[in-house]
Amino acid sequence: MTELLTKSLFTTALECPRKLYYATHAEQYDDANSDNDFLRYACP
């Protein structure tokens, strides 16, 4: 499936091309903060 390059993904790619890769393949990588209770409740 082809991923569209949105404005936010474009600005992420301008900042750092590696961030674009991780942003578009997020389901393959675990979030280091996923087990942090404070962040889970502070950022819905």
PDB file of N, CA and C in Angstrom:
ATOM      1  N   MET A   1       0.840  -1.178   0.000  1.00  0.00           N
ATOM      2  CA  MET A   1       0.000   0.000   0.000  1.00  0.00           C
ATOM      3  C   MET A   1       0.887   1.245   0.000  1.00  0.00           C
ATOM      4  N   THR A   2       0.539   2.203  -0.788  1.00  0.00           N
ATOM      5  CA  THR A   2       1.324   3.421  -0.910  1.00  0.00           C
ATOM      6  C   THR A   2       0.932   4.416   0.171  1.00  0.00           C
ATOM      7  N   GLU A   3       1.932   4.925   0.859  1.00  0.00           N
ATOM      8  CA  GLU A   3       1.714   5.926   1.905  1.00  0.00           C
ATOM      9  C   GLU A   3       1.802   7.313   1.281  1.00  0.00           C
ATOM     10  N   LEU A   4       0.836   8.162   1.615  1.00  0.00           N
ATOM     11  CA  LEU A   4       0.852   9.523   1.107  1.00  0.00           C
ATOM     12  C   LEU A   4       1.829  10.370   1.911  1.00  0.00           C
ATOM     13  N   LEU A   5       2.505  11.284   1.240  1.00  0.00           N
ATOM     14  CA  LEU A   5       3.410  12.197   1.911  1.00  0.00           C
ATOM     15  C   LEU A   5       2.620  13.440   2.304  1.00  0.00           C
ATOM     16  N   THR A   6       2.230  13.477   3.567  1.00  0.00           N
ATOM     17  CA  THR A   6       1.446  14.600   4.071  1.00  0.00           C
ATOM     18  C   THR A   6       2.363  15.767   4.410  1.00  0.00           C
ATOM     19  N   LYS A   7       1.765  16.892   4.730  1.00  0.00           N
ATOM     20  CA  LYS A   7       2.551  18.070   5.082  1.00  0.00           C
ATOM     21  C   LYS A   7       3.380  17.811   6.334  1.00  0.00           C
ATOM     22  N   SER A   8       2.801  17.152   7.322  1.00  0.00           N
ATOM     23  CA  SER A   8       3.545  16.880   8.559  1.00  0.00           C
ATOM     24  C   SER A   8       4.675  15.885   8.318  1.00  0.00           C
ATOM     25  N   LEU A   9       4.446  14.874   7.486  1.00  0.00           N
ATOM     26  CA  LEU A   9       5.526  13.939   7.160  1.00  0.00           C
ATOM     27  C   LEU A   9       6.619  14.623   6.352  1.00  0.00           C
ATOM     28  N   PHE A  10       6.233  15.565   5.497  1.00  0.00           N
ATOM     29  CA  PHE A  10       7.212  16.313   4.714  1.00  0.00           C
ATOM     30  C   PHE A  10       8.110  17.145   5.616  1.00  0.00           C
ATOM     31  N   THR A  11       7.521  17.834   6.592  1.00  0.00           N
ATOM     32  CA  THR A  11       8.329  18.641   7.497  1.00  0.00           C
ATOM     33  C   THR A  11       9.211  17.758   8.378  1.00  0.00           C
ATOM     34  N   THR A  12       8.723  16.579   8.736  1.00  0.00           N
ATOM     35  CA  THR A  12       9.543  15.632   9.480  1.00  0.00           C
ATOM     36  C   THR A  12      10.724  15.185   8.642  1.00  0.00           C
ATOM     37  N   ALA A  13      10.503  14.929   7.364  1.00  0.00           N
ATOM     38  CA  ALA A  13      11.578  14.501   6.467  1.00  0.00           C
ATOM     39  C   ALA A  13      12.603  15.605   6.262  1.00  0.00           C
ATOM     40  N   LEU A  14      12.162  16.858   6.235  1.00  0.00           N
ATOM     41  CA  LEU A  14      13.114  17.959   6.108  1.00  0.00           C
ATOM     42  C   LEU A  14      14.016  18.061   7.329  1.00  0.00           C
ATOM     43  N   GLU A  15      13.437  17.770   8.494  1.00  0.00           N
ATOM     44  CA  GLU A  15      14.207  17.825   9.729  1.00  0.00           C
ATOM     45  C   GLU A  15      15.220  16.688   9.793  1.00  0.00           C
ATOM     46  N   CYS A  16      14.770  15.491   9.468  1.00  0.00           N
ATOM     47  CA  CYS A  16      15.653  14.324   9.536  1.00  0.00           C
ATOM     48  C   CYS A  16      15.024  13.190   8.719  1.00  0.00           C
ATOM     49  N   PRO A  17      15.657  12.762   7.645  1.00  0.00           N
ATOM     50  CA  PRO A  17      15.079  11.698   6.814  1.00  0.00           C
ATOM     51  C   PRO A  17      14.853  10.387   7.571  1.00  0.00           C
ATOM     52  N   ARG A  18      15.671  10.086   8.561  1.00  0.00           N
ATOM     53  CA  ARG A  18      15.509   8.859   9.346  1.00  0.00           C
ATOM     54  C   ARG A  18      14.210   8.898  10.140  1.00  0.00           C
ATOM     55  N   LYS A  19      13.832  10.085  10.633  1.00  0.00           N
ATOM     56  CA  LYS A  19      12.574  10.228  11.366  1.00  0.00           C
ATOM     57  C   LYS A  19      11.383   9.894  10.479  1.00  0.00           C
ATOM     58  N   LEU A  20      11.482  10.234   9.204  1.00  0.00           N
ATOM     59  CA  LEU A  20      10.415   9.908   8.261  1.00  0.00           C
ATOM     60  C   LEU A  20      10.248   8.404   8.158  1.00  0.00           C
ATOM     61  N   TYR A  21      11.351   7.682   8.087  1.00  0.00           N
ATOM     62  CA  TYR A  21      11.281   6.225   8.004  1.00  0.00           C
ATOM     63  C   TYR A  21      10.585   5.647   9.240  1.00  0.00           C
ATOM     64  N   TYR A  22      10.996   6.087  10.421  1.00  0.00           N
ATOM     65  CA  TYR A  22      10.387   5.570  11.644  1.00  0.00           C
ATOM     66  C   TYR A  22       8.928   5.998  11.786  1.00  0.00           C
ATOM     67  N   ALA A  23       8.590   7.183  11.303  1.00  0.00           N
ATOM     68  CA  ALA A  23       7.207   7.654  11.379  1.00  0.00           C
ATOM     69  C   ALA A  23       6.298   6.823  10.470  1.00  0.00           C
ATOM     70  N   THR A  24       6.811   6.402   9.324  1.00  0.00           N
ATOM     71  CA  THR A  24       5.986   5.636   8.392  1.00  0.00           C
ATOM     72  C   THR A  24       5.999   4.141   8.679  1.00  0.00           C
ATOM     73  N   HIS A  25       6.907   3.684   9.534  1.00  0.00           N
ATOM     74  CA  HIS A  25       6.987   2.270   9.905  1.00  0.00           C
ATOM     75  C   HIS A  25       6.812   2.091  11.416  1.00  0.00           C
ATOM     76  N   ALA A  26       5.954   2.883  12.015  1.00  0.00           N
ATOM     77  CA  ALA A  26       5.785   2.903  13.469  1.00  0.00           C
ATOM     78  C   ALA A  26       5.301   1.563  14.027  1.00  0.00           C
ATOM     79  N   GLU A  27       4.546   0.809  13.247  1.00  0.00           N
ATOM     80  CA  GLU A  27       4.015  -0.460  13.760  1.00  0.00           C
ATOM     81  C   GLU A  27       5.099  -1.510  13.958  1.00  0.00           C
ATOM     82  N   GLN A  28       6.263  -1.319  13.381  1.00  0.00           N
ATOM     83  CA  GLN A  28       7.365  -2.279  13.508  1.00  0.00           C
ATOM     84  C   GLN A  28       8.239  -2.007  14.724  1.00  0.00           C
ATOM     85  N   TYR A  29       8.116  -0.823  15.324  1.00  0.00           N
ATOM     86  CA  TYR A  29       9.001  -0.423  16.401  1.00  0.00           C
ATOM     87  C   TYR A  29       8.212  -0.103  17.656  1.00  0.00           C
ATOM     88  N   ASP A  30       8.736  -0.557  18.804  1.00  0.00           N
ATOM     89  CA  ASP A  30       8.098  -0.285  20.088  1.00  0.00           C
ATOM     90  C   ASP A  30       8.403   1.141  20.533  1.00  0.00           C
ATOM     91  N   ASP A  31       7.453   1.717  21.244  1.00  0.00           N
ATOM     92  CA  ASP A  31       7.637   3.032  21.824  1.00  0.00           C
ATOM     93  C   ASP A  31       8.280   2.846  23.198  1.00  0.00           C
ATOM     94  N   ALA A  32       9.396   3.509  23.439  1.00  0.00           N
ATOM     95  CA  ALA A  32      10.104   3.366  24.713  1.00  0.00           C
ATOM     96  C   ALA A  32       9.268   3.884  25.884  1.00  0.00           C
ATOM     97  N   ASN A  33       8.314   4.759  25.621  1.00  0.00           N
ATOM     98  CA  ASN A  33       7.497   5.342  26.681  1.00  0.00           C
ATOM     99  C   ASN A  33       6.133   4.680  26.816  1.00  0.00           C
ATOM    100  N   SER A  34       5.917   3.575  26.164  1.00  0.00           N
ATOM    101  CA  SER A  34       4.601   2.946  26.194  1.00  0.00           C
ATOM    102  C   SER A  34       4.248   2.383  27.565  1.00  0.00           C
ATOM    103  N   ASP A  35       5.246   2.073  28.385  1.00  0.00           N
ATOM    104  CA  ASP A  35       4.958   1.530  29.704  1.00  0.00           C
ATOM    105  C   ASP A  35       5.020   2.588  30.810  1.00  0.00           C
ATOM    106  N   ASN A  36       5.169   3.850  30.441  1.00  0.00           N
ATOM    107  CA  ASN A  36       5.223   4.935  31.404  1.00  0.00           C
ATOM    108  C   ASN A  36       3.796   5.413  31.700  1.00  0.00           C
ATOM    109  N   ASP A  37       3.332   5.159  32.920  1.00  0.00           N
ATOM    110  CA  ASP A  37       1.959   5.523  33.295  1.00  0.00           C
ATOM    111  C   ASP A  37       1.705   7.011  33.215  1.00  0.00           C
ATOM    112  N   PHE A  38       2.681   7.824  33.625  1.00  0.00           N
ATOM    113  CA  PHE A  38       2.503   9.269  33.594  1.00  0.00           C
ATOM    114  C   PHE A  38       2.260   9.763  32.174  1.00  0.00           C
ATOM    115  N   LEU A  39       3.054   9.320  31.228  1.00  0.00           N
ATOM    116  CA  LEU A  39       2.888   9.759  29.855  1.00  0.00           C
ATOM    117  C   LEU A  39       1.613   9.210  29.227  1.00  0.00           C
ATOM    118  N   ARG A  40       1.206   8.037  29.639  1.00  0.00           N
ATOM    119  CA  ARG A  40      -0.015   7.448  29.101  1.00  0.00           C
ATOM    120  C   ARG A  40      -1.234   8.297  29.476  1.00  0.00           C
ATOM    121  N   TYR A  41      -1.258   8.829  30.703  1.00  0.00           N
ATOM    122  CA  TYR A  41      -2.389   9.630  31.142  1.00  0.00           C
ATOM    123  C   TYR A  41      -2.238  11.106  30.780  1.00  0.00           C
ATOM    124  N   ALA A  42      -1.014  11.579  30.642  1.00  0.00           N
ATOM    125  CA  ALA A  42      -0.789  12.999  30.337  1.00  0.00           C
ATOM    126  C   ALA A  42      -1.003  13.298  28.859  1.00  0.00           C
ATOM    127  N   CYS A  43      -0.777  12.328  28.004  1.00  0.00           N
ATOM    128  CA  CYS A  43      -0.880  12.543  26.551  1.00  0.00           C
ATOM    129  C   CYS A  43      -1.880  11.550  25.963  1.00  0.00           C
ATOM    130  N   PRO A  44      -3.138  11.921  25.920  1.00  0.00           N
ATOM    131  CA  PRO A  44      -4.156  10.965  25.425  1.00  0.00           C
ATOM    132  C   PRO A  44      -4.036  10.676  23.957  1.00  0.00           C
TER     133      PRO A  44
END
